[in-house]
Structure formats: C-alpha cells, structure tokens
Amino acid sequence: MLYRSYQINMHSIIKTLLISILIGLAFGIYLYFNYDHKPARIFTSVLSCVSIGSLMMLSINYRHYFTMITGYQSLKAMIMIGLLIIAALLGSEFTFMLSSLLLPGHQYQLFNGGNIYILNLLIVLVTGIPIYVSEEWKNILQSRISGQQYRLLQLEQQQTVFELELLRAKINPHFLYNVHNTIAGLISKDPHKAEELVVLLSKFFRFTLKKNSPDFHTVSDELEIVTTYLHMQHIRYDDRLSYTIDTDPNVLNLQIPSFVLQPLVENAVKHGIETSSAPGFIVIKIALNAQNITIRIADSGAEFPDKPVTGMGLQIVMNKLRLLYAADFKMEFNNISEKYVQLTLPKRN
C-alpha cells in the first residue's frame, strides 16, 4: 500500500514538473521572439512556471490538512483560494530570488515584482481553481464508490455466513439420518449396542451445540467428532471395521473448518466398509508443514473411478471450503499404491 502511494505521488510530481516546464518554455519562447530577445527570458519563464506550478499543485494535493477544519464546501473553497494566492506570491518571490543568484545583473528585492504578482495570481487562480474543483469531485465520487464497495462487501460477507449456516444445517441432518438408521437396525438385534449408540449420539449433539463458531474449530475438536462417529460405526460393523488415527501433536490446537472431516470419514465407511463383507480398515493421518495442514483418509475399499463422483456429503464439504478459502485449498483422490482422499488446507492458528 505504501509503495503504491509512493508511486502515485511520484507520478503526480513528475507530471507537474513536465507540464510546468512545457508551459514555461512556451511563454519564454513567445516572450523571447516578441518582446525581449534575451535567452535569460526563457530560463526565467521556466523557473517561474516550475516554482509557481509546483507550489500550486502542492496546495491542491495537500489541501485536506487545511480544509479539514470545516465541513462546508464554501469555506473550503475560500481556504483553497487563499492557499493558491500564497502559492502564487511565494512562487514569484522564489523565482526572483533564484534569478538573482543564477543570472548576472539581477538583484533581489523583497516583494518588488510589481505587476508580475498580479499576472501570476490571475494565472494560478484561473488554472488552480478548476483543478481543485476537479479533484474535489474525484474525491466525492471515490468516497461514494468506496462506500458502495464496502456495503457490497458487507452483503457478500452476510451471504457467505448465511450459506455456511445452510451447509452446516445440511450436514447435521444427513449425519443424523445415517445414525438413526444404524440405531433402528440394532434395536431388535442388540438393544445394548443400540443404547450405546444413543449415548454417543447425545454426546455428539452436546458437542456441536456448545460451540460458539459455526465456521472453524480446532483439529482436536474435529477429531472428537470423528472418533465418536467411528465408534458408532465400529459398534455397527463390529470386526468388519478397524480404524487408526495418526495426528501430529502440533496440529491439534490449529483451526480448521468445522464438520469437514466427518463427511470424508463417512464416505470412506460407505465405500470402504459398507460395500464389502470382508474386514476393512480406515486410516486417518493429519500432518503439518510450514504453511499447510494435510488430512489423508485411506480405506480398504475399491479404487476411485477415473472421475470420482461426489455424493451429497462430499459436495457439502467442497461448497463449504470454496466459501471459506476460495481456491486456496486442494482435494485429491488417489489410487496409486494406496487408496486415499487427501485434503490440504492453509494453516490457521
């Protein structure tokens, strides 16, 4: 931001100097050929334009330091006219002083310019006031545009929060539906396991209801949800399901989006355990590097198709990640040497 401001200021300074030099050359050459055939006339004209033009533009560009004392445009305009008059007088006086130092035969006397002051005043007012009005309108328009952009940003943020709430509302009923089906299937077969699942489900919802933020929580919190879920599924599938969770201790207190890990694990159970009568496994690994958190979920199920089809759970996760990270995340489906889905997220303390 500072570098950008520096570039803009340098551009304005160079532009002012070039315009002043060109105007000074034009006046000087005109006076040289029509009135005073001395080369010093051209030099004096350029020096005068550069001095007065630079002070005029400084007054306009930094006027807010003087006009900030009032909110009335009429008073601001009067202050600006006063600044332009001062710029014209100081610029004229500075020109006389430098001319006496650089040109032989010129003697400097304070405020002894005569009609030149009036001419310079008229030139500065005629050129400076339109520039001032133009800059004021630019500022007003920029302020309105900034206000509209700010309101638009607020609306976008409110929409994002609303969409995140909708996605979270979709995740919980989806999860609840699957667990209830599991409980219903066990009530007649094994009431004790069904009761245990009800207790685990109660624990899950106590956990979700006590959280303040719907968007992010710690990896440790997310693992608690996943462990509860896997415990439920282990009760359901018994020896058909085994699981391990390998987590870097340094990642436990970092923040990740809430309820993104459980749907991925649920998908692994669905395609890696549910579709096969043979014993299967799920391995969860969470690692940390300098900038990213890597979450890998492997299972013993059939390989992913060439173009993986994302069900409702995975689609919800993808939508939520896009809202939170835009394109600053990665989800990969791998079959080579090991079947797994891997999610890479920016590290967030």
Protein backbone atom coordinates (compact mmCIF):
# COMPACT_ATOMS: atom_id res chain seq x y z
CA MET A 1 0.00 0.00 0.00
CA LEU A 2 2.80 2.44 0.92
CA TYR A 3 4.69 1.55 -2.26
CA ARG A 4 1.52 2.15 -4.30
CA SER A 5 1.03 5.55 -2.62
CA TYR A 6 4.69 6.40 -3.30
CA GLN A 7 4.25 5.53 -6.98
CA ILE A 8 1.16 7.74 -7.26
CA ASN A 9 2.94 10.68 -5.59
CA MET A 10 6.00 10.35 -7.82
CA HIS A 11 3.78 10.18 -10.90
CA SER A 12 1.99 13.39 -9.80
CA ILE A 13 5.29 15.20 -9.12
CA ILE A 14 6.81 14.23 -12.47
CA LYS A 15 3.61 15.19 -14.30
CA THR A 16 3.52 18.61 -12.58
CA LEU A 17 7.16 19.32 -13.37
CA LEU A 18 6.82 18.34 -17.04
CA ILE A 19 3.68 20.45 -17.53
CA SER A 20 5.29 23.42 -15.77
CA ILE A 21 8.44 23.14 -17.89
CA LEU A 22 6.43 22.93 -21.12
CA ILE A 23 4.28 25.95 -20.17
CA GLY A 24 7.36 27.89 -19.10
CA LEU A 25 9.13 27.09 -22.36
CA ALA A 26 6.08 28.14 -24.36
CA PHE A 27 5.81 31.51 -22.56
CA GLY A 28 9.54 32.06 -22.57
CA ILE A 29 9.92 31.38 -26.29
CA TYR A 30 6.92 33.61 -27.06
CA LEU A 31 8.37 36.48 -24.99
CA TYR A 32 11.84 35.91 -26.43
CA PHE A 33 10.73 36.31 -30.04
CA ASN A 34 8.19 39.10 -29.49
CA TYR A 35 9.43 41.30 -26.64
CA ASP A 36 12.77 40.50 -25.06
CA HIS A 37 15.47 38.81 -27.16
CA LYS A 38 17.45 37.51 -24.22
CA PRO A 39 17.93 33.77 -23.52
CA ALA A 40 17.56 34.55 -19.83
CA ARG A 41 13.91 35.33 -20.53
CA ILE A 42 13.26 31.65 -21.41
CA PHE A 43 15.10 30.47 -18.28
CA THR A 44 13.19 32.87 -16.04
CA SER A 45 9.87 31.83 -17.54
CA VAL A 46 10.60 28.12 -17.00
CA LEU A 47 11.82 28.75 -13.46
CA SER A 48 8.71 30.80 -12.68
CA CYS A 49 6.33 28.16 -14.02
CA VAL A 50 8.10 25.33 -12.18
CA SER A 51 8.15 27.24 -8.87
CA ILE A 52 4.58 28.52 -9.01
CA GLY A 53 3.15 25.36 -10.61
CA SER A 54 4.80 23.09 -8.03
CA LEU A 55 3.53 25.18 -5.09
CA MET A 56 0.08 25.34 -6.67
CA MET A 57 -0.13 21.54 -7.04
CA LEU A 58 1.24 21.03 -3.52
CA SER A 59 -1.53 23.29 -2.22
CA ILE A 60 -4.17 21.32 -4.12
CA ASN A 61 -2.83 17.84 -3.31
CA TYR A 62 -2.39 18.53 0.40
CA ARG A 63 -5.36 20.85 0.85
CA HIS A 64 -7.06 18.44 3.28
CA TYR A 65 -4.60 19.46 6.00
CA PHE A 66 -6.10 22.96 5.84
CA THR A 67 -9.70 22.30 4.79
CA MET A 68 -10.32 19.58 7.37
CA ILE A 69 -11.25 22.26 9.91
CA THR A 70 -14.65 22.73 8.25
CA GLY A 71 -17.28 20.65 6.52
CA TYR A 72 -18.75 23.50 4.46
CA GLN A 73 -17.72 23.48 0.81
CA SER A 74 -17.90 27.27 0.55
CA LEU A 75 -15.39 27.69 3.39
CA LYS A 76 -13.17 25.01 1.89
CA ALA A 77 -13.20 26.89 -1.41
CA MET A 78 -12.23 30.15 0.33
CA ILE A 79 -9.36 28.38 2.12
CA MET A 80 -8.25 26.91 -1.19
CA ILE A 81 -8.27 30.33 -2.88
CA GLY A 82 -6.14 31.65 -0.04
CA LEU A 83 -3.67 28.78 -0.47
CA LEU A 84 -3.46 29.46 -4.23
CA ILE A 85 -2.76 33.15 -3.60
CA ILE A 86 0.01 32.23 -1.16
CA ALA A 87 1.43 29.74 -3.70
CA ALA A 88 1.48 32.43 -6.41
CA LEU A 89 3.21 35.00 -4.18
CA LEU A 90 5.77 32.56 -2.74
CA GLY A 91 6.46 31.08 -6.18
CA SER A 92 7.02 34.52 -7.64
CA GLU A 93 9.30 35.53 -4.79
CA PHE A 94 11.24 32.26 -5.06
CA THR A 95 11.74 32.91 -8.78
CA PHE A 96 13.11 36.40 -8.15
CA MET A 97 15.48 35.06 -5.51
CA LEU A 98 16.87 32.26 -7.71
CA SER A 99 17.17 34.58 -10.71
CA SER A 100 19.30 36.98 -8.68
CA LEU A 101 21.58 34.11 -7.67
CA LEU A 102 21.89 32.43 -11.08
CA LEU A 103 21.71 35.30 -13.55
CA PRO A 104 24.21 38.18 -13.62
CA GLY A 105 22.75 41.65 -13.34
CA HIS A 106 19.67 40.59 -11.40
CA GLN A 107 19.32 41.99 -7.90
CA TYR A 108 16.75 40.62 -5.47
CA GLN A 109 14.46 42.93 -3.51
CA LEU A 110 11.71 41.57 -1.29
CA PHE A 111 8.21 41.99 -2.75
CA ASN A 112 9.40 44.15 -5.62
CA GLY A 113 7.76 42.32 -8.50
CA GLY A 114 5.10 44.90 -9.32
CA ASN A 115 2.54 43.80 -11.90
CA ILE A 116 4.12 40.33 -12.16
CA TYR A 117 2.42 39.38 -8.88
CA ILE A 118 -0.97 40.26 -10.35
CA LEU A 119 -0.27 38.32 -13.54
CA ASN A 120 0.90 35.25 -11.62
CA LEU A 121 -2.09 35.48 -9.28
CA LEU A 122 -4.51 35.51 -12.22
CA ILE A 123 -2.75 32.57 -13.88
CA VAL A 124 -2.74 30.50 -10.68
CA LEU A 125 -6.42 31.23 -9.91
CA VAL A 126 -7.54 30.55 -13.48
CA THR A 127 -5.69 27.23 -13.64
CA GLY A 128 -5.78 26.17 -9.98
CA ILE A 129 -9.47 26.59 -9.19
CA PRO A 130 -10.69 24.23 -12.00
CA ILE A 131 -8.06 21.66 -10.93
CA TYR A 132 -9.22 22.00 -7.31
CA VAL A 133 -12.89 21.54 -8.28
CA SER A 134 -11.97 18.52 -10.40
CA GLU A 135 -10.01 16.92 -7.52
CA GLU A 136 -12.85 17.55 -5.10
CA TRP A 137 -15.32 15.83 -7.40
CA LYS A 138 -12.92 12.91 -7.80
CA ASN A 139 -12.73 12.56 -4.04
CA ILE A 140 -16.51 12.72 -3.67
CA LEU A 141 -17.02 10.09 -6.37
CA GLN A 142 -14.26 7.90 -4.90
CA SER A 143 -15.86 8.19 -1.47
CA ARG A 144 -19.22 7.14 -2.90
CA ILE A 145 -17.65 4.23 -4.77
CA SER A 146 -15.77 3.14 -1.64
CA GLY A 147 -18.98 3.32 0.37
CA GLN A 148 -20.81 1.22 -2.21
CA GLN A 149 -17.95 -1.28 -2.30
CA TYR A 150 -17.98 -1.50 1.49
CA ARG A 151 -21.73 -2.12 1.54
CA LEU A 152 -21.34 -4.72 -1.22
CA LEU A 153 -18.58 -6.43 0.78
CA GLN A 154 -20.84 -6.49 3.84
CA LEU A 155 -23.64 -8.05 1.79
CA GLU A 156 -21.24 -10.67 0.39
CA GLN A 157 -19.99 -11.50 3.88
CA GLN A 158 -23.55 -11.79 5.17
CA GLN A 159 -24.40 -14.06 2.23
CA THR A 160 -21.33 -16.20 2.94
CA VAL A 161 -22.31 -16.57 6.60
CA PHE A 162 -25.87 -17.46 5.57
CA GLU A 163 -24.65 -20.08 3.07
CA LEU A 164 -22.29 -21.57 5.65
CA GLU A 165 -25.17 -21.88 8.10
CA LEU A 166 -27.22 -23.63 5.43
CA LEU A 167 -24.39 -26.06 4.71
CA ARG A 168 -23.98 -26.83 8.38
CA ALA A 169 -27.72 -27.39 8.67
CA LYS A 170 -27.45 -29.90 5.82
CA ILE A 171 -24.55 -31.78 7.40
CA ASN A 172 -26.19 -32.39 10.74
CA PRO A 173 -29.48 -33.88 9.42
CA HIS A 174 -27.53 -36.01 6.94
CA PHE A 175 -25.38 -37.39 9.74
CA LEU A 176 -28.40 -37.79 11.99
CA TYR A 177 -30.26 -39.74 9.32
CA ASN A 178 -27.44 -42.30 8.95
CA VAL A 179 -27.01 -42.79 12.69
CA HIS A 180 -30.74 -43.23 13.23
CA ASN A 181 -30.80 -45.92 10.55
CA THR A 182 -27.98 -47.68 12.38
CA ILE A 183 -29.81 -47.47 15.71
CA ALA A 184 -33.04 -48.72 14.13
CA GLY A 185 -31.22 -51.74 12.72
CA LEU A 186 -29.73 -52.63 16.12
CA ILE A 187 -32.76 -52.15 18.39
CA SER A 188 -34.11 -55.64 17.78
CA LYS A 189 -30.74 -57.35 17.27
CA ASP A 190 -28.68 -55.87 20.09
CA PRO A 191 -30.50 -53.39 22.38
CA HIS A 192 -27.33 -52.80 24.41
CA LYS A 193 -25.43 -51.58 21.34
CA ALA A 194 -28.44 -49.51 20.30
CA GLU A 195 -28.43 -47.85 23.72
CA GLU A 196 -24.71 -47.19 23.47
CA LEU A 197 -25.23 -45.56 20.09
CA VAL A 198 -27.93 -43.30 21.53
CA VAL A 199 -25.47 -42.17 24.24
CA LEU A 200 -22.79 -41.50 21.62
CA LEU A 201 -25.28 -39.56 19.51
CA SER A 202 -26.24 -37.48 22.55
CA LYS A 203 -22.55 -36.76 23.13
CA PHE A 204 -22.17 -35.66 19.52
CA PHE A 205 -25.02 -33.16 19.70
CA ARG A 206 -23.92 -31.82 23.08
CA PHE A 207 -20.56 -31.18 21.47
CA THR A 208 -22.00 -29.34 18.45
CA LEU A 209 -24.42 -27.22 20.46
CA LYS A 210 -21.82 -25.85 22.86
CA LYS A 211 -19.58 -24.48 20.08
CA ASN A 212 -19.70 -20.72 19.55
CA SER A 213 -18.31 -20.55 16.00
CA PRO A 214 -20.12 -22.33 13.15
CA ASP A 215 -17.19 -21.93 10.78
CA PHE A 216 -13.96 -23.04 12.49
CA HIS A 217 -12.81 -25.04 15.46
CA THR A 218 -9.66 -26.92 16.45
CA VAL A 219 -8.37 -30.12 14.92
CA SER A 220 -8.77 -31.68 18.36
CA ASP A 221 -12.49 -30.83 18.34
CA GLU A 222 -12.89 -32.20 14.83
CA LEU A 223 -11.17 -35.44 15.83
CA GLU A 224 -13.53 -35.81 18.75
CA ILE A 225 -16.45 -35.74 16.34
CA VAL A 226 -14.75 -38.24 14.03
CA THR A 227 -13.82 -40.57 16.91
CA THR A 228 -17.42 -40.52 18.11
CA TYR A 229 -18.64 -41.31 14.62
CA LEU A 230 -16.14 -44.15 14.09
CA HIS A 231 -17.02 -45.60 17.48
CA MET A 232 -20.65 -45.72 16.37
CA GLN A 233 -19.73 -47.42 13.11
CA HIS A 234 -17.46 -49.87 14.89
CA ILE A 235 -20.41 -50.90 17.06
CA ARG A 236 -22.45 -51.40 13.93
CA TYR A 237 -19.90 -53.31 11.84
CA ASP A 238 -18.02 -54.97 14.70
CA ASP A 239 -14.92 -56.79 13.35
CA ARG A 240 -15.55 -55.60 9.81
CA LEU A 241 -14.23 -52.17 10.72
CA SER A 242 -10.90 -51.23 12.27
CA TYR A 243 -9.50 -47.74 12.31
CA THR A 244 -6.41 -45.80 13.34
CA ILE A 245 -5.87 -42.06 13.77
CA ASP A 246 -2.32 -40.70 13.44
CA THR A 247 -2.07 -36.97 14.20
CA ASP A 248 0.87 -34.63 14.54
CA PRO A 249 0.60 -33.24 18.11
CA ASN A 250 1.50 -29.76 16.82
CA VAL A 251 -1.67 -29.61 14.75
CA LEU A 252 -4.21 -30.33 17.49
CA ASN A 253 -4.78 -26.70 18.50
CA LEU A 254 -4.86 -25.28 14.98
CA GLN A 255 -8.14 -24.17 13.41
CA ILE A 256 -9.87 -25.97 10.55
CA PRO A 257 -13.42 -25.65 9.17
CA SER A 258 -15.96 -27.40 11.36
CA PHE A 259 -17.63 -30.60 10.17
CA VAL A 260 -15.42 -31.22 7.12
CA LEU A 261 -13.57 -34.29 8.38
CA GLN A 262 -16.60 -36.34 9.44
CA PRO A 263 -18.26 -36.41 5.97
CA LEU A 264 -14.95 -37.58 4.43
CA VAL A 265 -14.68 -40.37 7.00
CA GLU A 266 -18.34 -41.19 6.45
CA ASN A 267 -17.64 -41.50 2.72
CA ALA A 268 -14.75 -43.89 3.46
CA VAL A 269 -17.03 -46.04 5.62
CA LYS A 270 -19.70 -46.08 2.94
CA HIS A 271 -17.39 -47.12 0.09
CA GLY A 272 -14.66 -48.96 2.01
CA ILE A 273 -16.57 -50.91 4.63
CA GLU A 274 -20.28 -50.99 3.85
CA THR A 275 -19.90 -52.41 0.32
CA SER A 276 -17.75 -55.37 1.40
CA SER A 277 -18.38 -58.31 3.74
CA ALA A 278 -14.65 -58.74 4.33
CA PRO A 279 -12.84 -56.95 7.19
CA GLY A 280 -11.75 -53.44 6.24
CA PHE A 281 -9.85 -50.54 7.68
CA ILE A 282 -9.78 -46.74 7.75
CA VAL A 283 -6.58 -44.80 8.44
CA ILE A 284 -6.63 -41.08 9.21
CA LYS A 285 -3.36 -39.13 9.10
CA ILE A 286 -3.11 -35.43 9.85
CA ALA A 287 0.26 -33.78 9.23
CA LEU A 288 1.62 -30.24 9.41
CA ASN A 289 4.23 -28.34 7.43
CA ALA A 290 5.27 -24.71 7.41
CA GLN A 291 2.14 -23.43 5.66
CA ASN A 292 -0.44 -26.22 5.32
CA ILE A 293 -2.39 -28.87 7.19
CA THR A 294 -2.66 -32.15 5.29
CA ILE A 295 -5.52 -34.53 6.09
CA ARG A 296 -5.35 -38.00 4.49
CA ILE A 297 -8.12 -40.59 4.83
CA ALA A 298 -7.31 -44.04 3.43
CA ASP A 299 -9.64 -47.03 3.30
CA SER A 300 -9.59 -50.62 2.07
CA GLY A 301 -12.44 -50.24 -0.41
CA ALA A 302 -12.46 -50.35 -4.20
CA GLU A 303 -10.45 -47.79 -6.12
CA PHE A 304 -11.89 -44.42 -7.01
CA PRO A 305 -13.19 -44.18 -10.58
CA ASP A 306 -11.19 -42.05 -13.03
CA LYS A 307 -13.63 -39.24 -12.36
CA PRO A 308 -14.77 -39.58 -8.73
CA VAL A 309 -18.48 -38.98 -8.20
CA THR A 310 -19.05 -36.74 -5.18
CA GLY A 311 -22.12 -37.51 -3.14
CA MET A 312 -24.05 -35.05 -1.01
CA GLY A 313 -21.57 -35.21 1.91
CA LEU A 314 -18.50 -34.52 -0.23
CA GLN A 315 -20.32 -31.85 -2.20
CA ILE A 316 -21.26 -30.09 1.03
CA VAL A 317 -17.62 -30.17 2.13
CA MET A 318 -16.44 -28.80 -1.22
CA ASN A 319 -19.02 -25.99 -1.14
CA LYS A 320 -18.05 -25.01 2.37
CA LEU A 321 -14.33 -24.99 1.57
CA ARG A 322 -14.91 -22.83 -1.52
CA LEU A 323 -16.80 -20.30 0.59
CA LEU A 324 -14.09 -20.19 3.26
CA TYR A 325 -10.93 -20.49 1.15
CA ALA A 326 -11.96 -19.65 -2.45
CA ALA A 327 -9.29 -21.55 -4.44
CA ASP A 328 -6.74 -21.74 -1.60
CA PHE A 329 -7.25 -25.42 -0.80
CA LYS A 330 -6.80 -28.77 -2.54
CA MET A 331 -8.69 -32.08 -2.50
CA GLU A 332 -7.06 -35.10 -4.17
CA PHE A 333 -8.30 -38.63 -4.88
CA ASN A 334 -5.52 -41.19 -5.13
CA ASN A 335 -5.42 -44.88 -6.09
CA ILE A 336 -1.70 -45.49 -6.71
CA SER A 337 -0.06 -47.71 -4.04
CA GLU A 338 -2.75 -46.66 -1.60
CA LYS A 339 -6.33 -45.53 -1.93
CA TYR A 340 -7.00 -42.28 -0.11
CA VAL A 341 -8.57 -38.85 -0.30
CA GLN A 342 -6.30 -36.01 0.77
CA LEU A 343 -7.34 -32.52 1.82
CA THR A 344 -4.75 -29.70 2.03
CA LEU A 345 -5.73 -26.55 3.92
CA PRO A 346 -3.84 -23.36 4.82
CA LYS A 347 -2.54 -23.35 8.39
CA ARG A 348 -4.71 -21.23 10.67
CA ASN A 349 -3.82 -20.55 14.31
